[in-house]
Amino acid sequence: MGKPVTTQGRHGRRDCANWHYRMKDLCDKTGLPRQVIHFYIQQGLLPEGRKTGHNMAYYGDVHLERIQLIKKLQHERFLPLKAIRALLEEKDDHFTPVQRALLAEVRQRLAPALGHEEGPRDTVDAHALLGKANLDREVLGDMVAIGLLAVIVDETGRTLVAKDDAWMIELWGELQAAGFSRQLGFSPKDFVMYEEAIAALFEKETALLAARLAGLPPEKVAEMVGRALPLMNAFLARFHATKARNFFVSL
């Protein structure tokens, strides 16, 4: 390896012997182009490398392992980068260790019902879905950009999405057919307000459940949550319809 690489910072010279990868090495080992790795760094998914010059930086095993984890989460779980970043940042810090352990057990028990069992998810051809829904490729790009969908490209060059996420594309096709077209200014990016609202609601829900159900056995909590989910989904749909009705009635 030659002499250890060192950098000069405000705390003095730092030994970078363990930061032995250049960007080219990361690309070769992960199969990703440098633009994608730089994008991961910009998005906070990877830490910065240790710069040794204006255009030179070195990276360590932490970068290689993190990239491999991101690829695994994308290719097997089809998690969008926004979800991956939240996972890597461990945004469950407001849960106590006991609550986190309970939620982990409940997750395992609910996995089959939620369609998120361990292992790769079934996939479908994204462009075939777009064709059936009479949508252009920009729709898929919008959904990926706002974090609604994750896609991968397989060895044959096909763009794939998780089969149980296909409904998003199909639903947008139905909205477009109803007249909500790009010409009128509508696009899947409008889903952002729903994603943000549901994310905030879900964060409050999980905090409430963890606080109130922490004293129950995991199997009981899983049973209660499994029965409550479709009921609350029905409430949200009907309450949304009620809000729309009341709005038009009050005009």
C-alpha atoms as a PDB file:
ATOM      1  CA  MET A   1       0.000   0.000   0.000  1.00  0.00           C
ATOM      2  CA  GLY A   2       3.003   2.329   0.416  1.00  0.00           C
ATOM      3  CA  LYS A   3       3.188   5.057   3.017  1.00  0.00           C
ATOM      4  CA  PRO A   4       0.039   5.808   5.016  1.00  0.00           C
ATOM      5  CA  VAL A   5      -1.965   8.704   3.640  1.00  0.00           C
ATOM      6  CA  THR A   6      -2.281  11.661   5.991  1.00  0.00           C
ATOM      7  CA  THR A   7      -4.373  14.801   5.915  1.00  0.00           C
ATOM      8  CA  GLN A   8      -3.972  18.120   7.663  1.00  0.00           C
ATOM      9  CA  GLY A   9      -6.994  19.406   9.613  1.00  0.00           C
ATOM     10  CA  ARG A  10      -7.670  21.730  12.500  1.00  0.00           C
ATOM     11  CA  HIS A  11      -6.776  18.900  14.882  1.00  0.00           C
ATOM     12  CA  GLY A  12      -3.431  18.275  13.212  1.00  0.00           C
ATOM     13  CA  ARG A  13      -2.238  15.504  10.905  1.00  0.00           C
ATOM     14  CA  ARG A  14      -4.520  12.453  10.866  1.00  0.00           C
ATOM     15  CA  ASP A  15      -3.449   8.965   9.944  1.00  0.00           C
ATOM     16  CA  CYS A  16      -5.540   7.779   6.989  1.00  0.00           C
ATOM     17  CA  ALA A  17      -3.978   4.332   6.640  1.00  0.00           C
ATOM     18  CA  ASN A  18      -7.457   2.802   6.883  1.00  0.00           C
ATOM     19  CA  TRP A  19      -8.835   5.165   4.215  1.00  0.00           C
ATOM     20  CA  HIS A  20      -7.210   3.318   1.364  1.00  0.00           C
ATOM     21  CA  TYR A  21      -9.782   3.560  -1.440  1.00  0.00           C
ATOM     22  CA  ARG A  22      -9.830   6.168  -4.157  1.00  0.00           C
ATOM     23  CA  MET A  23     -13.092   6.976  -5.915  1.00  0.00           C
ATOM     24  CA  LYS A  24     -12.056   4.681  -8.777  1.00  0.00           C
ATOM     25  CA  ASP A  25     -11.622   1.823  -6.300  1.00  0.00           C
ATOM     26  CA  LEU A  26     -15.119   2.368  -4.868  1.00  0.00           C
ATOM     27  CA  CYS A  27     -16.560   2.374  -8.385  1.00  0.00           C
ATOM     28  CA  ASP A  28     -14.738  -0.850  -9.293  1.00  0.00           C
ATOM     29  CA  LYS A  29     -15.775  -2.643  -6.093  1.00  0.00           C
ATOM     30  CA  THR A  30     -19.428  -1.553  -6.101  1.00  0.00           C
ATOM     31  CA  GLY A  31     -20.165  -1.345  -9.818  1.00  0.00           C
ATOM     32  CA  LEU A  32     -21.534   2.188  -9.404  1.00  0.00           C
ATOM     33  CA  PRO A  33     -20.434   5.212 -11.434  1.00  0.00           C
ATOM     34  CA  ARG A  34     -18.744   8.032  -9.574  1.00  0.00           C
ATOM     35  CA  GLN A  35     -21.723  10.338 -10.231  1.00  0.00           C
ATOM     36  CA  VAL A  36     -23.981   8.038  -8.188  1.00  0.00           C
ATOM     37  CA  ILE A  37     -21.493   7.822  -5.301  1.00  0.00           C
ATOM     38  CA  HIS A  38     -21.073  11.610  -5.278  1.00  0.00           C
ATOM     39  CA  PHE A  39     -24.879  11.896  -5.252  1.00  0.00           C
ATOM     40  CA  TYR A  40     -25.052   9.604  -2.203  1.00  0.00           C
ATOM     41  CA  ILE A  41     -22.540  11.872  -0.443  1.00  0.00           C
ATOM     42  CA  GLN A  42     -24.524  14.996  -1.382  1.00  0.00           C
ATOM     43  CA  GLN A  43     -27.730  13.402  -0.062  1.00  0.00           C
ATOM     44  CA  GLY A  44     -26.138  12.483   3.267  1.00  0.00           C
ATOM     45  CA  LEU A  45     -26.214   8.742   2.628  1.00  0.00           C
ATOM     46  CA  LEU A  46     -22.415   8.534   2.728  1.00  0.00           C
ATOM     47  CA  PRO A  47     -19.888  10.526   4.776  1.00  0.00           C
ATOM     48  CA  GLU A  48     -17.408  12.759   2.995  1.00  0.00           C
ATOM     49  CA  GLY A  49     -14.069  11.289   2.005  1.00  0.00           C
ATOM     50  CA  ARG A  50     -10.818  12.572   3.477  1.00  0.00           C
ATOM     51  CA  LYS A  51      -9.386  15.086   1.057  1.00  0.00           C
ATOM     52  CA  THR A  52      -5.667  15.048   0.326  1.00  0.00           C
ATOM     53  CA  GLY A  53      -5.831  17.622  -2.443  1.00  0.00           C
ATOM     54  CA  HIS A  54      -8.219  19.746  -4.470  1.00  0.00           C
ATOM     55  CA  ASN A  55      -9.411  16.827  -6.599  1.00  0.00           C
ATOM     56  CA  MET A  56      -8.285  13.866  -4.498  1.00  0.00           C
ATOM     57  CA  ALA A  57      -9.951  12.133  -1.564  1.00  0.00           C
ATOM     58  CA  TYR A  58      -9.611   8.757   0.105  1.00  0.00           C
ATOM     59  CA  TYR A  59     -12.384   6.530   1.404  1.00  0.00           C
ATOM     60  CA  GLY A  60     -12.531   3.669   3.877  1.00  0.00           C
ATOM     61  CA  ASP A  61     -14.319   0.404   4.509  1.00  0.00           C
ATOM     62  CA  VAL A  62     -17.176   2.372   6.077  1.00  0.00           C
ATOM     63  CA  HIS A  63     -17.935   3.825   2.630  1.00  0.00           C
ATOM     64  CA  LEU A  64     -17.746   0.458   0.898  1.00  0.00           C
ATOM     65  CA  GLU A  65     -19.983  -1.227   3.480  1.00  0.00           C
ATOM     66  CA  ARG A  66     -22.500   1.641   3.411  1.00  0.00           C
ATOM     67  CA  ILE A  67     -22.737   1.544  -0.408  1.00  0.00           C
ATOM     68  CA  GLN A  68     -23.256  -2.218  -0.330  1.00  0.00           C
ATOM     69  CA  LEU A  69     -26.025  -1.759   2.276  1.00  0.00           C
ATOM     70  CA  ILE A  70     -27.712   0.935   0.176  1.00  0.00           C
ATOM     71  CA  LYS A  71     -27.618  -1.331  -2.888  1.00  0.00           C
ATOM     72  CA  LYS A  72     -29.072  -4.205  -0.855  1.00  0.00           C
ATOM     73  CA  LEU A  73     -31.913  -2.040   0.475  1.00  0.00           C
ATOM     74  CA  GLN A  74     -32.620  -0.761  -3.024  1.00  0.00           C
ATOM     75  CA  HIS A  75     -32.365  -4.053  -4.889  1.00  0.00           C
ATOM     76  CA  GLU A  76     -34.011  -6.359  -2.340  1.00  0.00           C
ATOM     77  CA  ARG A  77     -36.401  -4.069  -0.483  1.00  0.00           C
ATOM     78  CA  PHE A  78     -36.921  -1.361  -3.146  1.00  0.00           C
ATOM     79  CA  LEU A  79     -36.648   1.355  -0.518  1.00  0.00           C
ATOM     80  CA  PRO A  80     -36.488   4.910  -1.900  1.00  0.00           C
ATOM     81  CA  LEU A  81     -33.375   6.904  -0.981  1.00  0.00           C
ATOM     82  CA  LYS A  82     -35.431   9.066   1.404  1.00  0.00           C
ATOM     83  CA  ALA A  83     -36.434   5.956   3.368  1.00  0.00           C
ATOM     84  CA  ILE A  84     -32.883   4.603   3.286  1.00  0.00           C
ATOM     85  CA  ARG A  85     -31.512   7.877   4.645  1.00  0.00           C
ATOM     86  CA  ALA A  86     -34.042   7.827   7.489  1.00  0.00           C
ATOM     87  CA  LEU A  87     -33.072   4.239   8.260  1.00  0.00           C
ATOM     88  CA  LEU A  88     -29.355   5.029   8.251  1.00  0.00           C
ATOM     89  CA  GLU A  89     -29.887   8.051  10.472  1.00  0.00           C
ATOM     90  CA  GLU A  90     -31.856   5.886  12.948  1.00  0.00           C
ATOM     91  CA  LYS A  91     -34.707   8.337  13.350  1.00  0.00           C
ATOM     92  CA  ASP A  92     -36.261   6.224  16.100  1.00  0.00           C
ATOM     93  CA  ASP A  93     -34.173   7.918  18.788  1.00  0.00           C
ATOM     94  CA  HIS A  94     -37.342   9.101  20.554  1.00  0.00           C
ATOM     95  CA  PHE A  95     -38.149   5.455  21.372  1.00  0.00           C
ATOM     96  CA  THR A  96     -36.748   3.864  24.498  1.00  0.00           C
ATOM     97  CA  PRO A  97     -34.768   0.603  24.130  1.00  0.00           C
ATOM     98  CA  VAL A  98     -37.794  -1.310  25.469  1.00  0.00           C
ATOM     99  CA  GLN A  99     -40.106   0.349  22.959  1.00  0.00           C
ATOM    100  CA  ARG A 100     -37.698  -0.316  20.073  1.00  0.00           C
ATOM    101  CA  ALA A 101     -37.478  -3.993  21.060  1.00  0.00           C
ATOM    102  CA  LEU A 102     -41.284  -4.220  21.157  1.00  0.00           C
ATOM    103  CA  LEU A 103     -41.652  -2.560  17.751  1.00  0.00           C
ATOM    104  CA  ALA A 104     -39.031  -4.886  16.262  1.00  0.00           C
ATOM    105  CA  GLU A 105     -40.962  -7.963  17.461  1.00  0.00           C
ATOM    106  CA  VAL A 106     -44.260  -6.539  16.248  1.00  0.00           C
ATOM    107  CA  ARG A 107     -42.701  -5.827  12.847  1.00  0.00           C
ATOM    108  CA  GLN A 108     -41.628  -9.467  12.507  1.00  0.00           C
ATOM    109  CA  ARG A 109     -45.099 -10.710  13.412  1.00  0.00           C
ATOM    110  CA  LEU A 110     -46.840  -8.296  11.030  1.00  0.00           C
ATOM    111  CA  ALA A 111     -44.419  -8.800   8.110  1.00  0.00           C
ATOM    112  CA  PRO A 112     -46.498 -11.470   6.287  1.00  0.00           C
ATOM    113  CA  ALA A 113     -49.698  -9.433   6.578  1.00  0.00           C
ATOM    114  CA  LEU A 114     -47.967  -6.274   5.371  1.00  0.00           C
ATOM    115  CA  GLY A 115     -46.240  -8.045   2.488  1.00  0.00           C
ATOM    116  CA  HIS A 116     -42.739  -7.302   3.758  1.00  0.00           C
ATOM    117  CA  GLU A 117     -41.255 -10.659   4.587  1.00  0.00           C
ATOM    118  CA  GLU A 118     -37.495 -11.103   4.438  1.00  0.00           C
ATOM    119  CA  GLY A 119     -35.922 -11.618   1.040  1.00  0.00           C
ATOM    120  CA  PRO A 120     -36.202  -9.914  -2.342  1.00  0.00           C
ATOM    121  CA  ARG A 121     -39.575  -8.478  -3.339  1.00  0.00           C
ATOM    122  CA  ASP A 122     -41.338  -9.553  -6.531  1.00  0.00           C
ATOM    123  CA  THR A 123     -40.816  -7.115  -9.388  1.00  0.00           C
ATOM    124  CA  VAL A 124     -42.548  -5.936 -12.546  1.00  0.00           C
ATOM    125  CA  ASP A 125     -41.297  -4.095 -15.635  1.00  0.00           C
ATOM    126  CA  ALA A 126     -41.803  -0.380 -14.982  1.00  0.00           C
ATOM    127  CA  HIS A 127     -42.035   0.616 -18.644  1.00  0.00           C
ATOM    128  CA  ALA A 128     -44.629  -2.079 -19.319  1.00  0.00           C
ATOM    129  CA  LEU A 129     -46.694  -0.590 -16.468  1.00  0.00           C
ATOM    130  CA  LEU A 130     -46.321   2.885 -17.928  1.00  0.00           C
ATOM    131  CA  GLY A 131     -47.462   1.618 -21.320  1.00  0.00           C
ATOM    132  CA  LYS A 132     -50.583  -0.042 -19.916  1.00  0.00           C
ATOM    133  CA  ALA A 133     -51.460   3.123 -17.995  1.00  0.00           C
ATOM    134  CA  ASN A 134     -50.752   5.351 -21.028  1.00  0.00           C
ATOM    135  CA  LEU A 135     -48.103   7.285 -19.108  1.00  0.00           C
ATOM    136  CA  ASP A 136     -44.744   8.678 -20.205  1.00  0.00           C
ATOM    137  CA  ARG A 137     -41.388   7.982 -18.572  1.00  0.00           C
ATOM    138  CA  GLU A 138     -41.390  11.377 -16.895  1.00  0.00           C
ATOM    139  CA  VAL A 139     -44.067  10.073 -14.527  1.00  0.00           C
ATOM    140  CA  LEU A 140     -41.713   7.380 -13.276  1.00  0.00           C
ATOM    141  CA  GLY A 141     -38.903   9.919 -12.917  1.00  0.00           C
ATOM    142  CA  ASP A 142     -41.146  12.187 -10.848  1.00  0.00           C
ATOM    143  CA  MET A 143     -42.126   9.345  -8.508  1.00  0.00           C
ATOM    144  CA  VAL A 144     -38.510   8.322  -7.997  1.00  0.00           C
ATOM    145  CA  ALA A 145     -37.408  11.942  -7.483  1.00  0.00           C
ATOM    146  CA  ILE A 146     -39.863  12.576  -4.634  1.00  0.00           C
ATOM    147  CA  GLY A 147     -39.174   9.232  -2.976  1.00  0.00           C
ATOM    148  CA  LEU A 148     -42.454   7.452  -3.676  1.00  0.00           C
ATOM    149  CA  LEU A 149     -40.837   4.665  -5.670  1.00  0.00           C
ATOM    150  CA  ALA A 150     -37.473   2.964  -5.973  1.00  0.00           C
ATOM    151  CA  VAL A 151     -36.337   1.341  -9.209  1.00  0.00           C
ATOM    152  CA  ILE A 152     -33.494  -0.904 -10.248  1.00  0.00           C
ATOM    153  CA  VAL A 153     -32.093  -1.825 -13.640  1.00  0.00           C
ATOM    154  CA  ASP A 154     -31.490  -5.564 -14.078  1.00  0.00           C
ATOM    155  CA  GLU A 155     -28.739  -7.250 -16.060  1.00  0.00           C
ATOM    156  CA  THR A 156     -30.847  -7.130 -19.243  1.00  0.00           C
ATOM    157  CA  GLY A 157     -31.397  -3.386 -18.967  1.00  0.00           C
ATOM    158  CA  ARG A 158     -35.022  -3.569 -17.798  1.00  0.00           C
ATOM    159  CA  THR A 159     -36.201  -0.986 -15.276  1.00  0.00           C
ATOM    160  CA  LEU A 160     -38.029  -2.748 -12.455  1.00  0.00           C
ATOM    161  CA  VAL A 161     -40.277  -1.664  -9.600  1.00  0.00           C
ATOM    162  CA  ALA A 162     -41.603  -3.731  -6.706  1.00  0.00           C
ATOM    163  CA  LYS A 163     -44.812  -5.498  -7.679  1.00  0.00           C
ATOM    164  CA  ASP A 164     -46.652  -4.269  -4.596  1.00  0.00           C
ATOM    165  CA  ASP A 165     -45.750  -0.660  -5.499  1.00  0.00           C
ATOM    166  CA  ALA A 166     -47.207  -0.931  -9.010  1.00  0.00           C
ATOM    167  CA  TRP A 167     -50.528   0.500  -7.794  1.00  0.00           C
ATOM    168  CA  MET A 168     -48.971   3.977  -7.614  1.00  0.00           C
ATOM    169  CA  ILE A 169     -48.307   4.007 -11.346  1.00  0.00           C
ATOM    170  CA  GLU A 170     -51.712   2.500 -12.107  1.00  0.00           C
ATOM    171  CA  LEU A 171     -53.451   5.043  -9.867  1.00  0.00           C
ATOM    172  CA  TRP A 172     -51.720   7.973 -11.563  1.00  0.00           C
ATOM    173  CA  GLY A 173     -52.797   6.572 -14.916  1.00  0.00           C
ATOM    174  CA  GLU A 174     -56.405   6.634 -13.713  1.00  0.00           C
ATOM    175  CA  LEU A 175     -56.030  10.213 -12.452  1.00  0.00           C
ATOM    176  CA  GLN A 176     -54.581  11.281 -15.796  1.00  0.00           C
ATOM    177  CA  ALA A 177     -57.437   9.549 -17.612  1.00  0.00           C
ATOM    178  CA  ALA A 178     -59.845  11.508 -15.371  1.00  0.00           C
ATOM    179  CA  GLY A 179     -58.346  14.741 -16.728  1.00  0.00           C
ATOM    180  CA  PHE A 180     -55.582  15.558 -14.228  1.00  0.00           C
ATOM    181  CA  SER A 181     -53.007  16.035 -16.970  1.00  0.00           C
ATOM    182  CA  ARG A 182     -49.533  17.522 -17.077  1.00  0.00           C
ATOM    183  CA  GLN A 183     -50.907  20.145 -19.485  1.00  0.00           C
ATOM    184  CA  LEU A 184     -53.033  21.459 -16.612  1.00  0.00           C
ATOM    185  CA  GLY A 185     -50.049  21.457 -14.271  1.00  0.00           C
ATOM    186  CA  PHE A 186     -50.635  18.133 -12.519  1.00  0.00           C
ATOM    187  CA  SER A 187     -47.839  15.623 -11.964  1.00  0.00           C
ATOM    188  CA  PRO A 188     -46.951  12.869  -9.465  1.00  0.00           C
ATOM    189  CA  LYS A 189     -44.940  15.516  -7.596  1.00  0.00           C
ATOM    190  CA  ASP A 190     -48.287  16.684  -6.241  1.00  0.00           C
ATOM    191  CA  PHE A 191     -48.254  13.533  -4.123  1.00  0.00           C
ATOM    192  CA  VAL A 192     -45.570  15.155  -1.950  1.00  0.00           C
ATOM    193  CA  MET A 193     -48.178  16.895   0.230  1.00  0.00           C
ATOM    194  CA  TYR A 194     -49.856  13.553   0.912  1.00  0.00           C
ATOM    195  CA  GLU A 195     -46.541  11.819   1.597  1.00  0.00           C
ATOM    196  CA  GLU A 196     -45.532  14.522   4.071  1.00  0.00           C
ATOM    197  CA  ALA A 197     -48.898  14.490   5.832  1.00  0.00           C
ATOM    198  CA  ILE A 198     -49.012  10.690   6.111  1.00  0.00           C
ATOM    199  CA  ALA A 199     -45.377  10.552   7.283  1.00  0.00           C
ATOM    200  CA  ALA A 200     -46.093  13.056  10.067  1.00  0.00           C
ATOM    201  CA  LEU A 201     -49.266  11.202  11.035  1.00  0.00           C
ATOM    202  CA  PHE A 202     -47.500   7.850  11.087  1.00  0.00           C
ATOM    203  CA  GLU A 203     -44.711   9.212  13.288  1.00  0.00           C
ATOM    204  CA  LYS A 204     -47.318  10.339  15.837  1.00  0.00           C
ATOM    205  CA  GLU A 205     -49.129   6.995  15.587  1.00  0.00           C
ATOM    206  CA  THR A 206     -46.023   4.933  16.284  1.00  0.00           C
ATOM    207  CA  ALA A 207     -45.039   7.164  19.215  1.00  0.00           C
ATOM    208  CA  LEU A 208     -48.535   6.818  20.707  1.00  0.00           C
ATOM    209  CA  LEU A 209     -48.614   3.038  20.255  1.00  0.00           C
ATOM    210  CA  ALA A 210     -45.129   2.563  21.679  1.00  0.00           C
ATOM    211  CA  ALA A 211     -46.027   4.623  24.757  1.00  0.00           C
ATOM    212  CA  ARG A 212     -49.409   3.034  25.464  1.00  0.00           C
ATOM    213  CA  LEU A 213     -48.828  -0.583  24.469  1.00  0.00           C
ATOM    214  CA  ALA A 214     -45.294  -1.117  25.771  1.00  0.00           C
ATOM    215  CA  GLY A 215     -46.592  -3.207  28.689  1.00  0.00           C
ATOM    216  CA  LEU A 216     -48.381  -5.762  26.490  1.00  0.00           C
ATOM    217  CA  PRO A 217     -46.901  -8.925  24.966  1.00  0.00           C
ATOM    218  CA  PRO A 218     -45.655  -8.454  21.366  1.00  0.00           C
ATOM    219  CA  GLU A 219     -48.154 -10.995  20.010  1.00  0.00           C
ATOM    220  CA  LYS A 220     -51.051  -9.015  21.525  1.00  0.00           C
ATOM    221  CA  VAL A 221     -49.744  -5.737  20.112  1.00  0.00           C
ATOM    222  CA  ALA A 222     -49.311  -7.318  16.679  1.00  0.00           C
ATOM    223  CA  GLU A 223     -52.882  -8.645  16.800  1.00  0.00           C
ATOM    224  CA  MET A 224     -54.266  -5.242  17.799  1.00  0.00           C
ATOM    225  CA  VAL A 225     -52.293  -3.356  15.162  1.00  0.00           C
ATOM    226  CA  GLY A 226     -53.204  -5.900  12.483  1.00  0.00           C
ATOM    227  CA  ARG A 227     -56.902  -5.404  13.207  1.00  0.00           C
ATOM    228  CA  ALA A 228     -56.631  -1.626  13.558  1.00  0.00           C
ATOM    229  CA  LEU A 229     -54.763  -0.912  10.303  1.00  0.00           C
ATOM    230  CA  PRO A 230     -57.658  -1.584   7.878  1.00  0.00           C
ATOM    231  CA  LEU A 231     -60.043   0.249  10.221  1.00  0.00           C
ATOM    232  CA  MET A 232     -57.854   3.365  10.319  1.00  0.00           C
ATOM    233  CA  ASN A 233     -57.290   3.176   6.553  1.00  0.00           C
ATOM    234  CA  ALA A 234     -61.072   3.157   6.108  1.00  0.00           C
ATOM    235  CA  PHE A 235     -61.378   6.103   8.511  1.00  0.00           C
ATOM    236  CA  LEU A 236     -58.841   8.156   6.537  1.00  0.00           C
ATOM    237  CA  ALA A 237     -60.566   7.465   3.217  1.00  0.00           C
ATOM    238  CA  ARG A 238     -64.052   8.230   4.530  1.00  0.00           C
ATOM    239  CA  PHE A 239     -62.930  11.277   6.519  1.00  0.00           C
ATOM    240  CA  HIS A 240     -61.239  12.669   3.409  1.00  0.00           C
ATOM    241  CA  ALA A 241     -64.522  12.215   1.533  1.00  0.00           C
ATOM    242  CA  THR A 242     -66.367  13.880   4.429  1.00  0.00           C
ATOM    243  CA  LYS A 243     -64.031  16.889   4.328  1.00  0.00           C
ATOM    244  CA  ALA A 244     -64.631  17.252   0.583  1.00  0.00           C
ATOM    245  CA  ARG A 245     -68.403  16.983   1.048  1.00  0.00           C
ATOM    246  CA  ASN A 246     -68.451  19.552   3.853  1.00  0.00           C
ATOM    247  CA  PHE A 247     -66.311  21.936   1.802  1.00  0.00           C
ATOM    248  CA  PHE A 248     -68.681  21.928  -1.156  1.00  0.00           C
ATOM    249  CA  VAL A 249     -71.782  22.031   1.048  1.00  0.00           C
ATOM    250  CA  SER A 250     -70.444  25.123   2.819  1.00  0.00           C
ATOM    251  CA  LEU A 251     -69.854  27.087  -0.410  1.00  0.00           C
END
